[in-house]
Amino acid sequence: MSDKKAFYAKLKDQLEDTTKFPADYMYKFIVPTDENQLNEVQDKFDSKGAVIKTKKSKTGKYISITIVLKLKNADEVISYYKKVENIKGIISL
């Protein structure tokens, strides 16, 4: 099993143990500001009624993104992590 598959399997177990779905789920990401990463992240969530807040770092090199979205189950939570994992420089917190 790949590291990513193992990570997502563990995350799914934890979510199912600790969260009663449907639930509001909070994502936190950090992206560099050197390209269009903020827009890329927002595009993955925007049409779903997400509440998105952003904050620039003191140096202006990074943007922290907090997204709250009502989701139906653990698989849906994981699907959004998979949608953003290939955005250049993204860090999931």
Protein backbone atom coordinates (compact mmCIF):
# COMPACT_ATOMS: atom_id res chain seq x y z
CA MET A 1 0.00 0.00 0.00
CA SER A 2 1.43 3.40 -0.94
CA ASP A 3 2.05 6.04 1.74
CA LYS A 4 -0.82 8.16 0.40
CA LYS A 5 -3.24 5.22 0.36
CA ALA A 6 -2.26 4.31 3.92
CA PHE A 7 -2.62 7.94 5.02
CA TYR A 8 -6.10 8.26 3.51
CA ALA A 9 -7.21 4.88 4.93
CA LYS A 10 -6.11 5.97 8.42
CA LEU A 11 -7.77 9.37 7.99
CA LYS A 12 -11.03 7.71 6.94
CA ASP A 13 -10.99 5.49 10.05
CA GLN A 14 -10.30 8.49 12.30
CA LEU A 15 -13.04 10.58 10.69
CA GLU A 16 -15.60 7.79 11.00
CA ASP A 17 -14.66 7.30 14.68
CA THR A 18 -14.77 10.97 15.65
CA THR A 19 -17.24 12.72 13.34
CA LYS A 20 -21.00 12.41 13.02
CA PHE A 21 -21.82 13.13 9.37
CA PRO A 22 -23.19 15.22 7.77
CA ALA A 23 -20.82 17.69 9.41
CA ASP A 24 -19.00 20.95 8.88
CA TYR A 25 -15.38 20.04 8.16
CA MET A 26 -12.51 22.51 8.37
CA TYR A 27 -9.62 22.32 5.95
CA LYS A 28 -6.45 24.32 6.53
CA PHE A 29 -3.85 24.81 3.83
CA ILE A 30 -0.81 26.98 3.24
CA VAL A 31 0.17 27.91 -0.30
CA PRO A 32 2.96 30.05 -1.75
CA THR A 33 1.91 33.34 -3.33
CA ASP A 34 4.35 33.08 -6.24
CA GLU A 35 1.80 31.73 -8.69
CA ASN A 36 -1.96 31.25 -8.78
CA GLN A 37 -2.26 28.60 -6.05
CA LEU A 38 -4.86 30.48 -3.99
CA ASN A 39 -7.24 30.59 -6.96
CA GLU A 40 -6.57 26.92 -7.71
CA VAL A 41 -7.59 25.95 -4.16
CA GLN A 42 -10.65 28.21 -4.20
CA ASP A 43 -11.76 26.76 -7.54
CA LYS A 44 -11.87 23.25 -6.01
CA PHE A 45 -14.27 24.40 -3.24
CA ASP A 46 -16.15 27.47 -4.50
CA SER A 47 -19.20 25.91 -6.12
CA LYS A 48 -19.97 23.87 -2.99
CA GLY A 49 -21.04 26.67 -0.64
CA ALA A 50 -17.74 26.68 1.24
CA VAL A 51 -16.79 29.48 3.63
CA ILE A 52 -13.24 30.45 2.67
CA LYS A 53 -10.96 32.73 4.72
CA THR A 54 -7.43 33.72 3.76
CA LYS A 55 -4.56 35.40 5.55
CA LYS A 56 -1.21 36.48 4.13
CA SER A 57 1.97 35.67 6.03
CA LYS A 58 4.03 38.54 7.46
CA THR A 59 6.54 38.23 4.63
CA GLY A 60 3.80 37.95 1.99
CA LYS A 61 5.34 34.76 0.58
CA TYR A 62 2.53 32.49 1.77
CA ILE A 63 -1.23 32.54 2.22
CA SER A 64 -3.02 30.51 4.85
CA ILE A 65 -6.43 29.27 3.70
CA THR A 66 -9.19 28.04 6.02
CA ILE A 67 -12.19 26.41 4.39
CA VAL A 68 -15.33 25.18 6.13
CA LEU A 69 -17.65 22.96 4.15
CA LYS A 70 -20.62 20.75 5.07
CA LEU A 71 -19.86 17.21 3.94
CA LYS A 72 -21.85 13.97 3.88
CA ASN A 73 -19.18 11.43 4.83
CA ALA A 74 -15.48 10.65 5.32
CA ASP A 75 -15.03 9.74 1.64
CA GLU A 76 -16.18 13.21 0.64
CA VAL A 77 -13.69 14.81 3.08
CA ILE A 78 -10.87 12.77 1.54
CA SER A 79 -11.99 13.54 -2.02
CA TYR A 80 -11.23 17.24 -1.44
CA TYR A 81 -7.76 16.49 -0.08
CA LYS A 82 -7.13 14.48 -3.25
CA LYS A 83 -8.40 17.35 -5.44
CA VAL A 84 -5.85 19.80 -4.03
CA GLU A 85 -2.86 17.53 -3.38
CA ASN A 86 -1.27 18.28 -6.77
CA ILE A 87 -1.36 22.07 -6.40
CA LYS A 88 2.24 23.29 -6.46
CA GLY A 89 3.65 23.98 -2.99
CA ILE A 90 0.44 23.27 -1.05
CA ILE A 91 0.76 22.17 2.57
CA SER A 92 -2.21 20.55 4.32
CA LEU A 93 -2.41 21.19 8.05
